[in-house]
Amino acid sequence: DAHEQGVSFNQWVVQKLAGRHLASL
């Protein structure tokens, strides 16, 4: 999922924990 978003795993987890929407495919 993080790779699909083009972000680091850490950044992906932080965004998810903060409740921020990440773009889906």
mmCIF file of all heavy atoms, coordinates in Angstrom:
data_MODEL
# 
_entry.id   MODEL 
# 
loop_
_atom_site.group_PDB 
_atom_site.id 
_atom_site.type_symbol 
_atom_site.label_atom_id 
_atom_site.label_alt_id 
_atom_site.label_comp_id 
_atom_site.label_asym_id 
_atom_site.label_entity_id 
_atom_site.label_seq_id 
_atom_site.pdbx_PDB_ins_code 
_atom_site.Cartn_x 
_atom_site.Cartn_y 
_atom_site.Cartn_z 
_atom_site.occupancy 
_atom_site.B_iso_or_equiv 
_atom_site.pdbx_formal_charge 
_atom_site.auth_seq_id 
_atom_site.auth_comp_id 
_atom_site.auth_asym_id 
_atom_site.auth_atom_id 
_atom_site.pdbx_PDB_model_num 
ATOM 1   N N   . ASP A 1 1  ? 0.829  -1.210 0.000  1.00 0.00 ? 1  ASP A N   1 
ATOM 2   C CA  . ASP A 1 1  ? 0.000  0.000  0.000  1.00 0.00 ? 1  ASP A CA  1 
ATOM 3   C C   . ASP A 1 1  ? 0.865  1.263  0.000  1.00 0.00 ? 1  ASP A C   1 
ATOM 4   O O   . ASP A 1 1  ? 0.601  2.207  -0.750 1.00 0.00 ? 1  ASP A O   1 
ATOM 5   C CB  . ASP A 1 1  ? -0.930 0.032  1.211  1.00 0.00 ? 1  ASP A CB  1 
ATOM 6   C CG  . ASP A 1 1  ? -2.075 -0.955 1.129  1.00 0.00 ? 1  ASP A CG  1 
ATOM 7   O OD1 . ASP A 1 1  ? -2.303 -1.516 0.032  1.00 0.00 ? 1  ASP A OD1 1 
ATOM 8   O OD2 . ASP A 1 1  ? -2.741 -1.152 2.163  1.00 0.00 ? 1  ASP A OD2 1 
ATOM 9   N N   . ALA A 1 2  ? 1.883  1.285  0.842  1.00 0.00 ? 2  ALA A N   1 
ATOM 10  C CA  . ALA A 1 2  ? 2.765  2.453  0.914  1.00 0.00 ? 2  ALA A CA  1 
ATOM 11  C C   . ALA A 1 2  ? 3.472  2.666  -0.424 1.00 0.00 ? 2  ALA A C   1 
ATOM 12  O O   . ALA A 1 2  ? 3.568  3.802  -0.917 1.00 0.00 ? 2  ALA A O   1 
ATOM 13  C CB  . ALA A 1 2  ? 3.787  2.282  2.033  1.00 0.00 ? 2  ALA A CB  1 
ATOM 14  N N   . HIS A 1 3  ? 3.936  1.592  -1.016 1.00 0.00 ? 3  HIS A N   1 
ATOM 15  C CA  . HIS A 1 3  ? 4.618  1.700  -2.303 1.00 0.00 ? 3  HIS A CA  1 
ATOM 16  C C   . HIS A 1 3  ? 3.659  2.231  -3.368 1.00 0.00 ? 3  HIS A C   1 
ATOM 17  O O   . HIS A 1 3  ? 4.039  3.086  -4.180 1.00 0.00 ? 3  HIS A O   1 
ATOM 18  C CB  . HIS A 1 3  ? 5.182  0.336  -2.713 1.00 0.00 ? 3  HIS A CB  1 
ATOM 19  C CG  . HIS A 1 3  ? 5.978  0.388  -3.974 1.00 0.00 ? 3  HIS A CG  1 
ATOM 20  N ND1 . HIS A 1 3  ? 7.241  0.913  -4.025 1.00 0.00 ? 3  HIS A ND1 1 
ATOM 21  C CD2 . HIS A 1 3  ? 5.667  0.010  -5.234 1.00 0.00 ? 3  HIS A CD2 1 
ATOM 22  C CE1 . HIS A 1 3  ? 7.683  0.852  -5.262 1.00 0.00 ? 3  HIS A CE1 1 
ATOM 23  N NE2 . HIS A 1 3  ? 6.737  0.298  -6.026 1.00 0.00 ? 3  HIS A NE2 1 
ATOM 24  N N   . GLU A 1 4  ? 2.427  1.740  -3.370 1.00 0.00 ? 4  GLU A N   1 
ATOM 25  C CA  . GLU A 1 4  ? 1.434  2.228  -4.336 1.00 0.00 ? 4  GLU A CA  1 
ATOM 26  C C   . GLU A 1 4  ? 1.182  3.726  -4.167 1.00 0.00 ? 4  GLU A C   1 
ATOM 27  O O   . GLU A 1 4  ? 0.900  4.427  -5.133 1.00 0.00 ? 4  GLU A O   1 
ATOM 28  C CB  . GLU A 1 4  ? 0.111  1.477  -4.190 1.00 0.00 ? 4  GLU A CB  1 
ATOM 29  C CG  . GLU A 1 4  ? 0.166  0.069  -4.733 1.00 0.00 ? 4  GLU A CG  1 
ATOM 30  C CD  . GLU A 1 4  ? -1.126 -0.696 -4.485 1.00 0.00 ? 4  GLU A CD  1 
ATOM 31  O OE1 . GLU A 1 4  ? -1.936 -0.284 -3.632 1.00 0.00 ? 4  GLU A OE1 1 
ATOM 32  O OE2 . GLU A 1 4  ? -1.303 -1.720 -5.156 1.00 0.00 ? 4  GLU A OE2 1 
ATOM 33  N N   . GLN A 1 5  ? 1.274  4.211  -2.937 1.00 0.00 ? 5  GLN A N   1 
ATOM 34  C CA  . GLN A 1 5  ? 1.070  5.632  -2.650 1.00 0.00 ? 5  GLN A CA  1 
ATOM 35  C C   . GLN A 1 5  ? 2.304  6.467  -2.982 1.00 0.00 ? 5  GLN A C   1 
ATOM 36  O O   . GLN A 1 5  ? 2.238  7.693  -3.001 1.00 0.00 ? 5  GLN A O   1 
ATOM 37  C CB  . GLN A 1 5  ? 0.712  5.836  -1.176 1.00 0.00 ? 5  GLN A CB  1 
ATOM 38  C CG  . GLN A 1 5  ? -0.602 5.227  -0.769 1.00 0.00 ? 5  GLN A CG  1 
ATOM 39  C CD  . GLN A 1 5  ? -1.763 5.868  -1.485 1.00 0.00 ? 5  GLN A CD  1 
ATOM 40  O OE1 . GLN A 1 5  ? -1.822 7.088  -1.612 1.00 0.00 ? 5  GLN A OE1 1 
ATOM 41  N NE2 . GLN A 1 5  ? -2.683 5.073  -1.963 1.00 0.00 ? 5  GLN A NE2 1 
ATOM 42  N N   . GLY A 1 6  ? 3.428  5.791  -3.185 1.00 0.00 ? 6  GLY A N   1 
ATOM 43  C CA  . GLY A 1 6  ? 4.664  6.510  -3.486 1.00 0.00 ? 6  GLY A CA  1 
ATOM 44  C C   . GLY A 1 6  ? 5.256  7.201  -2.279 1.00 0.00 ? 6  GLY A C   1 
ATOM 45  O O   . GLY A 1 6  ? 5.924  8.228  -2.406 1.00 0.00 ? 6  GLY A O   1 
ATOM 46  N N   . VAL A 1 7  ? 4.992  6.657  -1.090 1.00 0.00 ? 7  VAL A N   1 
ATOM 47  C CA  . VAL A 1 7  ? 5.531  7.229  0.143  1.00 0.00 ? 7  VAL A CA  1 
ATOM 48  C C   . VAL A 1 7  ? 6.259  6.139  0.922  1.00 0.00 ? 7  VAL A C   1 
ATOM 49  O O   . VAL A 1 7  ? 6.062  4.947  0.689  1.00 0.00 ? 7  VAL A O   1 
ATOM 50  C CB  . VAL A 1 7  ? 4.417  7.848  1.024  1.00 0.00 ? 7  VAL A CB  1 
ATOM 51  C CG1 . VAL A 1 7  ? 3.736  9.001  0.311  1.00 0.00 ? 7  VAL A CG1 1 
ATOM 52  C CG2 . VAL A 1 7  ? 3.395  6.811  1.452  1.00 0.00 ? 7  VAL A CG2 1 
ATOM 53  N N   . SER A 1 8  ? 7.076  6.571  1.866  1.00 0.00 ? 8  SER A N   1 
ATOM 54  C CA  . SER A 1 8  ? 7.762  5.597  2.718  1.00 0.00 ? 8  SER A CA  1 
ATOM 55  C C   . SER A 1 8  ? 6.734  4.882  3.592  1.00 0.00 ? 8  SER A C   1 
ATOM 56  O O   . SER A 1 8  ? 5.644  5.406  3.847  1.00 0.00 ? 8  SER A O   1 
ATOM 57  C CB  . SER A 1 8  ? 8.797  6.288  3.608  1.00 0.00 ? 8  SER A CB  1 
ATOM 58  O OG  . SER A 1 8  ? 8.141  7.054  4.615  1.00 0.00 ? 8  SER A OG  1 
ATOM 59  N N   . PHE A 1 9  ? 7.106  3.718  4.056  1.00 0.00 ? 9  PHE A N   1 
ATOM 60  C CA  . PHE A 1 9  ? 6.217  2.962  4.941  1.00 0.00 ? 9  PHE A CA  1 
ATOM 61  C C   . PHE A 1 9  ? 5.899  3.779  6.185  1.00 0.00 ? 9  PHE A C   1 
ATOM 62  O O   . PHE A 1 9  ? 4.751  3.877  6.608  1.00 0.00 ? 9  PHE A O   1 
ATOM 63  C CB  . PHE A 1 9  ? 6.870  1.627  5.305  1.00 0.00 ? 9  PHE A CB  1 
ATOM 64  C CG  . PHE A 1 9  ? 6.010  0.771  6.184  1.00 0.00 ? 9  PHE A CG  1 
ATOM 65  C CD1 . PHE A 1 9  ? 4.816  0.253  5.716  1.00 0.00 ? 9  PHE A CD1 1 
ATOM 66  C CD2 . PHE A 1 9  ? 6.389  0.481  7.482  1.00 0.00 ? 9  PHE A CD2 1 
ATOM 67  C CE1 . PHE A 1 9  ? 4.013  -0.544 6.526  1.00 0.00 ? 9  PHE A CE1 1 
ATOM 68  C CE2 . PHE A 1 9  ? 5.593  -0.310 8.295  1.00 0.00 ? 9  PHE A CE2 1 
ATOM 69  C CZ  . PHE A 1 9  ? 4.408  -0.821 7.812  1.00 0.00 ? 9  PHE A CZ  1 
ATOM 70  N N   . ASN A 1 10 ? 6.916  4.420  6.764  1.00 0.00 ? 10 ASN A N   1 
ATOM 71  C CA  . ASN A 1 10 ? 6.711  5.230  7.963  1.00 0.00 ? 10 ASN A CA  1 
ATOM 72  C C   . ASN A 1 10 ? 5.731  6.372  7.684  1.00 0.00 ? 10 ASN A C   1 
ATOM 73  O O   . ASN A 1 10 ? 4.809  6.604  8.466  1.00 0.00 ? 10 ASN A O   1 
ATOM 74  C CB  . ASN A 1 10 ? 8.046  5.784  8.461  1.00 0.00 ? 10 ASN A CB  1 
ATOM 75  C CG  . ASN A 1 10 ? 7.901  6.499  9.782  1.00 0.00 ? 10 ASN A CG  1 
ATOM 76  O OD1 . ASN A 1 10 ? 7.690  5.875  10.811 1.00 0.00 ? 10 ASN A OD1 1 
ATOM 77  N ND2 . ASN A 1 10 ? 7.990  7.819  9.748  1.00 0.00 ? 10 ASN A ND2 1 
ATOM 78  N N   . GLN A 1 11 ? 5.928  7.076  6.576  1.00 0.00 ? 11 GLN A N   1 
ATOM 79  C CA  . GLN A 1 11 ? 5.030  8.180  6.244  1.00 0.00 ? 11 GLN A CA  1 
ATOM 80  C C   . GLN A 1 11 ? 3.610  7.678  6.026  1.00 0.00 ? 11 GLN A C   1 
ATOM 81  O O   . GLN A 1 11 ? 2.645  8.306  6.463  1.00 0.00 ? 11 GLN A O   1 
ATOM 82  C CB  . GLN A 1 11 ? 5.529  8.907  4.995  1.00 0.00 ? 11 GLN A CB  1 
ATOM 83  C CG  . GLN A 1 11 ? 4.711  10.136 4.667  1.00 0.00 ? 11 GLN A CG  1 
ATOM 84  C CD  . GLN A 1 11 ? 5.220  10.867 3.437  1.00 0.00 ? 11 GLN A CD  1 
ATOM 85  O OE1 . GLN A 1 11 ? 6.134  10.411 2.768  1.00 0.00 ? 11 GLN A OE1 1 
ATOM 86  N NE2 . GLN A 1 11 ? 4.620  11.998 3.145  1.00 0.00 ? 11 GLN A NE2 1 
ATOM 87  N N   . TRP A 1 12 ? 3.454  6.527  5.386  1.00 0.00 ? 12 TRP A N   1 
ATOM 88  C CA  . TRP A 1 12 ? 2.130  5.956  5.141  1.00 0.00 ? 12 TRP A CA  1 
ATOM 89  C C   . TRP A 1 12 ? 1.426  5.657  6.464  1.00 0.00 ? 12 TRP A C   1 
ATOM 90  O O   . TRP A 1 12 ? 0.262  5.992  6.659  1.00 0.00 ? 12 TRP A O   1 
ATOM 91  C CB  . TRP A 1 12 ? 2.262  4.683  4.298  1.00 0.00 ? 12 TRP A CB  1 
ATOM 92  C CG  . TRP A 1 12 ? 0.961  4.097  3.888  1.00 0.00 ? 12 TRP A CG  1 
ATOM 93  C CD1 . TRP A 1 12 ? 0.237  4.385  2.768  1.00 0.00 ? 12 TRP A CD1 1 
ATOM 94  C CD2 . TRP A 1 12 ? 0.207  3.109  4.609  1.00 0.00 ? 12 TRP A CD2 1 
ATOM 95  N NE1 . TRP A 1 12 ? -0.913 3.643  2.747  1.00 0.00 ? 12 TRP A NE1 1 
ATOM 96  C CE2 . TRP A 1 12 ? -0.954 2.853  3.863  1.00 0.00 ? 12 TRP A CE2 1 
ATOM 97  C CE3 . TRP A 1 12 ? 0.404  2.433  5.794  1.00 0.00 ? 12 TRP A CE3 1 
ATOM 98  C CZ2 . TRP A 1 12 ? -1.914 1.946  4.271  1.00 0.00 ? 12 TRP A CZ2 1 
ATOM 99  C CZ3 . TRP A 1 12 ? -0.544 1.527  6.210  1.00 0.00 ? 12 TRP A CZ3 1 
ATOM 100 C CH2 . TRP A 1 12 ? -1.691 1.295  5.450  1.00 0.00 ? 12 TRP A CH2 1 
ATOM 101 N N   . VAL A 1 13 ? 2.148  5.039  7.399  1.00 0.00 ? 13 VAL A N   1 
ATOM 102 C CA  . VAL A 1 13 ? 1.568  4.688  8.696  1.00 0.00 ? 13 VAL A CA  1 
ATOM 103 C C   . VAL A 1 13 ? 1.186  5.956  9.471  1.00 0.00 ? 13 VAL A C   1 
ATOM 104 O O   . VAL A 1 13 ? 0.096  6.032  10.039 1.00 0.00 ? 13 VAL A O   1 
ATOM 105 C CB  . VAL A 1 13 ? 2.539  3.805  9.515  1.00 0.00 ? 13 VAL A CB  1 
ATOM 106 C CG1 . VAL A 1 13 ? 2.068  3.653  10.953 1.00 0.00 ? 13 VAL A CG1 1 
ATOM 107 C CG2 . VAL A 1 13 ? 2.692  2.438  8.857  1.00 0.00 ? 13 VAL A CG2 1 
ATOM 108 N N   . VAL A 1 14 ? 2.049  6.954  9.471  1.00 0.00 ? 14 VAL A N   1 
ATOM 109 C CA  . VAL A 1 14 ? 1.757  8.197  10.186 1.00 0.00 ? 14 VAL A CA  1 
ATOM 110 C C   . VAL A 1 14 ? 0.505  8.858  9.616  1.00 0.00 ? 14 VAL A C   1 
ATOM 111 O O   . VAL A 1 14 ? -0.368 9.310  10.359 1.00 0.00 ? 14 VAL A O   1 
ATOM 112 C CB  . VAL A 1 14 ? 2.966  9.160  10.132 1.00 0.00 ? 14 VAL A CB  1 
ATOM 113 C CG1 . VAL A 1 14 ? 2.589  10.567 10.592 1.00 0.00 ? 14 VAL A CG1 1 
ATOM 114 C CG2 . VAL A 1 14 ? 4.104  8.609  10.978 1.00 0.00 ? 14 VAL A CG2 1 
ATOM 115 N N   . GLN A 1 15 ? 0.375  8.896  8.300  1.00 0.00 ? 15 GLN A N   1 
ATOM 116 C CA  . GLN A 1 15 ? -0.809 9.486  7.679  1.00 0.00 ? 15 GLN A CA  1 
ATOM 117 C C   . GLN A 1 15 ? -2.065 8.703  8.042  1.00 0.00 ? 15 GLN A C   1 
ATOM 118 O O   . GLN A 1 15 ? -3.108 9.286  8.325  1.00 0.00 ? 15 GLN A O   1 
ATOM 119 C CB  . GLN A 1 15 ? -0.638 9.558  6.161  1.00 0.00 ? 15 GLN A CB  1 
ATOM 120 C CG  . GLN A 1 15 ? 0.382  10.586 5.748  1.00 0.00 ? 15 GLN A CG  1 
ATOM 121 C CD  . GLN A 1 15 ? 0.655  10.584 4.253  1.00 0.00 ? 15 GLN A CD  1 
ATOM 122 O OE1 . GLN A 1 15 ? 0.180  9.732  3.514  1.00 0.00 ? 15 GLN A OE1 1 
ATOM 123 N NE2 . GLN A 1 15 ? 1.434  11.548 3.797  1.00 0.00 ? 15 GLN A NE2 1 
ATOM 124 N N   . LYS A 1 16 ? -1.981 7.387  8.057  1.00 0.00 ? 16 LYS A N   1 
ATOM 125 C CA  . LYS A 1 16 ? -3.132 6.564  8.432  1.00 0.00 ? 16 LYS A CA  1 
ATOM 126 C C   . LYS A 1 16 ? -3.515 6.803  9.896  1.00 0.00 ? 16 LYS A C   1 
ATOM 127 O O   . LYS A 1 16 ? -4.692 6.945  10.220 1.00 0.00 ? 16 LYS A O   1 
ATOM 128 C CB  . LYS A 1 16 ? -2.842 5.074  8.208  1.00 0.00 ? 16 LYS A CB  1 
ATOM 129 C CG  . LYS A 1 16 ? -2.912 4.645  6.774  1.00 0.00 ? 16 LYS A CG  1 
ATOM 130 C CD  . LYS A 1 16 ? -4.333 4.735  6.282  1.00 0.00 ? 16 LYS A CD  1 
ATOM 131 C CE  . LYS A 1 16 ? -4.505 4.030  4.973  1.00 0.00 ? 16 LYS A CE  1 
ATOM 132 N NZ  . LYS A 1 16 ? -5.858 4.061  4.481  1.00 0.00 ? 16 LYS A NZ  1 
ATOM 133 N N   . LEU A 1 17 ? -2.532 6.833  10.770 1.00 0.00 ? 17 LEU A N   1 
ATOM 134 C CA  . LEU A 1 17 ? -2.812 7.048  12.189 1.00 0.00 ? 17 LEU A CA  1 
ATOM 135 C C   . LEU A 1 17 ? -3.406 8.435  12.436 1.00 0.00 ? 17 LEU A C   1 
ATOM 136 O O   . LEU A 1 17 ? -4.231 8.612  13.332 1.00 0.00 ? 17 LEU A O   1 
ATOM 137 C CB  . LEU A 1 17 ? -1.545 6.865  13.026 1.00 0.00 ? 17 LEU A CB  1 
ATOM 138 C CG  . LEU A 1 17 ? -1.035 5.435  13.132 1.00 0.00 ? 17 LEU A CG  1 
ATOM 139 C CD1 . LEU A 1 17 ? 0.333  5.419  13.817 1.00 0.00 ? 17 LEU A CD1 1 
ATOM 140 C CD2 . LEU A 1 17 ? -2.015 4.550  13.867 1.00 0.00 ? 17 LEU A CD2 1 
ATOM 141 N N   . ALA A 1 18 ? -2.999 9.406  11.648 1.00 0.00 ? 18 ALA A N   1 
ATOM 142 C CA  . ALA A 1 18 ? -3.509 10.768 11.795 1.00 0.00 ? 18 ALA A CA  1 
ATOM 143 C C   . ALA A 1 18 ? -4.886 10.927 11.155 1.00 0.00 ? 18 ALA A C   1 
ATOM 144 O O   . ALA A 1 18 ? -5.507 11.972 11.271 1.00 0.00 ? 18 ALA A O   1 
ATOM 145 C CB  . ALA A 1 18 ? -2.531 11.764 11.173 1.00 0.00 ? 18 ALA A CB  1 
ATOM 146 N N   . GLY A 1 19 ? -5.363 9.872  10.481 1.00 0.00 ? 19 GLY A N   1 
ATOM 147 C CA  . GLY A 1 19 ? -6.683 9.917  9.877  1.00 0.00 ? 19 GLY A CA  1 
ATOM 148 C C   . GLY A 1 19 ? -6.720 10.654 8.552  1.00 0.00 ? 19 GLY A C   1 
ATOM 149 O O   . GLY A 1 19 ? -7.774 11.089 8.114  1.00 0.00 ? 19 GLY A O   1 
ATOM 150 N N   . ARG A 1 20 ? -5.584 10.803 7.921  1.00 0.00 ? 20 ARG A N   1 
ATOM 151 C CA  . ARG A 1 20 ? -5.538 11.495 6.640  1.00 0.00 ? 20 ARG A CA  1 
ATOM 152 C C   . ARG A 1 20 ? -5.838 10.520 5.517  1.00 0.00 ? 20 ARG A C   1 
ATOM 153 O O   . ARG A 1 20 ? -5.390 9.384  5.522  1.00 0.00 ? 20 ARG A O   1 
ATOM 154 C CB  . ARG A 1 20 ? -4.171 12.126 6.429  1.00 0.00 ? 20 ARG A CB  1 
ATOM 155 C CG  . ARG A 1 20 ? -3.899 13.215 7.428  1.00 0.00 ? 20 ARG A CG  1 
ATOM 156 C CD  . ARG A 1 20 ? -2.659 13.992 7.069  1.00 0.00 ? 20 ARG A CD  1 
ATOM 157 N NE  . ARG A 1 20 ? -2.425 15.025 8.051  1.00 0.00 ? 20 ARG A NE  1 
ATOM 158 C CZ  . ARG A 1 20 ? -1.363 15.062 8.827  1.00 0.00 ? 20 ARG A CZ  1 
ATOM 159 N NH1 . ARG A 1 20 ? -0.431 14.151 8.719  1.00 0.00 ? 20 ARG A NH1 1 
ATOM 160 N NH2 . ARG A 1 20 ? -1.222 16.019 9.700  1.00 0.00 ? 20 ARG A NH2 1 
ATOM 161 N N   . HIS A 1 21 ? -6.580 11.007 4.539  1.00 0.00 ? 21 HIS A N   1 
ATOM 162 C CA  . HIS A 1 21 ? -6.928 10.178 3.386  1.00 0.00 ? 21 HIS A CA  1 
ATOM 163 C C   . HIS A 1 21 ? -5.741 10.096 2.440  1.00 0.00 ? 21 HIS A C   1 
ATOM 164 O O   . HIS A 1 21 ? -5.150 11.105 2.080  1.00 0.00 ? 21 HIS A O   1 
ATOM 165 C CB  . HIS A 1 21 ? -8.134 10.762 2.654  1.00 0.00 ? 21 HIS A CB  1 
ATOM 166 C CG  . HIS A 1 21 ? -8.466 10.046 1.393  1.00 0.00 ? 21 HIS A CG  1 
ATOM 167 N ND1 . HIS A 1 21 ? -9.011 8.786  1.394  1.00 0.00 ? 21 HIS A ND1 1 
ATOM 168 C CD2 . HIS A 1 21 ? -8.313 10.404 0.100  1.00 0.00 ? 21 HIS A CD2 1 
ATOM 169 C CE1 . HIS A 1 21 ? -9.193 8.398  0.141  1.00 0.00 ? 21 HIS A CE1 1 
ATOM 170 N NE2 . HIS A 1 21 ? -8.773 9.373  -0.649 1.00 0.00 ? 21 HIS A NE2 1 
ATOM 171 N N   . LEU A 1 22 ? -5.396 8.894  2.076  1.00 0.00 ? 22 LEU A N   1 
ATOM 172 C CA  . LEU A 1 22 ? -4.397 8.669  1.052  1.00 0.00 ? 22 LEU A CA  1 
ATOM 173 C C   . LEU A 1 22 ? -5.129 8.271  -0.221 1.00 0.00 ? 22 LEU A C   1 
ATOM 174 O O   . LEU A 1 22 ? -6.151 7.595  -0.173 1.00 0.00 ? 22 LEU A O   1 
ATOM 175 C CB  . LEU A 1 22 ? -3.432 7.548  1.470  1.00 0.00 ? 22 LEU A CB  1 
ATOM 176 C CG  . LEU A 1 22 ? -2.569 7.857  2.681  1.00 0.00 ? 22 LEU A CG  1 
ATOM 177 C CD1 . LEU A 1 22 ? -1.906 6.602  3.198  1.00 0.00 ? 22 LEU A CD1 1 
ATOM 178 C CD2 . LEU A 1 22 ? -1.518 8.889  2.305  1.00 0.00 ? 22 LEU A CD2 1 
ATOM 179 N N   . ALA A 1 23 ? -4.603 8.650  -1.346 1.00 0.00 ? 23 ALA A N   1 
ATOM 180 C CA  . ALA A 1 23 ? -5.245 8.295  -2.610 1.00 0.00 ? 23 ALA A CA  1 
ATOM 181 C C   . ALA A 1 23 ? -5.212 6.797  -2.812 1.00 0.00 ? 23 ALA A C   1 
ATOM 182 O O   . ALA A 1 23 ? -4.230 6.132  -2.525 1.00 0.00 ? 23 ALA A O   1 
ATOM 183 C CB  . ALA A 1 23 ? -4.503 8.987  -3.761 1.00 0.00 ? 23 ALA A CB  1 
ATOM 184 N N   . SER A 1 24 ? -6.333 6.266  -3.255 1.00 0.00 ? 24 SER A N   1 
ATOM 185 C CA  . SER A 1 24 ? -6.361 4.848  -3.603 1.00 0.00 ? 24 SER A CA  1 
ATOM 186 C C   . SER A 1 24 ? -6.143 4.735  -5.105 1.00 0.00 ? 24 SER A C   1 
ATOM 187 O O   . SER A 1 24 ? -6.170 5.728  -5.833 1.00 0.00 ? 24 SER A O   1 
ATOM 188 C CB  . SER A 1 24 ? -7.710 4.227  -3.239 1.00 0.00 ? 24 SER A CB  1 
ATOM 189 O OG  . SER A 1 24 ? -8.719 4.744  -4.080 1.00 0.00 ? 24 SER A OG  1 
ATOM 190 N N   . LEU A 1 25 ? -5.910 3.537  -5.581 1.00 0.00 ? 25 LEU A N   1 
ATOM 191 C CA  . LEU A 1 25 ? -5.735 3.339  -7.018 1.00 0.00 ? 25 LEU A CA  1 
ATOM 192 C C   . LEU A 1 25 ? -6.970 3.809  -7.777 1.00 0.00 ? 25 LEU A C   1 
ATOM 193 O O   . LEU A 1 25 ? -6.869 4.348  -8.867 1.00 0.00 ? 25 LEU A O   1 
ATOM 194 C CB  . LEU A 1 25 ? -5.446 1.866  -7.310 1.00 0.00 ? 25 LEU A CB  1 
ATOM 195 C CG  . LEU A 1 25 ? -4.068 1.363  -6.888 1.00 0.00 ? 25 LEU A CG  1 
ATOM 196 C CD1 . LEU A 1 25 ? -3.934 -0.119 -7.205 1.00 0.00 ? 25 LEU A CD1 1 
ATOM 197 C CD2 . LEU A 1 25 ? -2.972 2.144  -7.579 1.00 0.00 ? 25 LEU A CD2 1 
# 
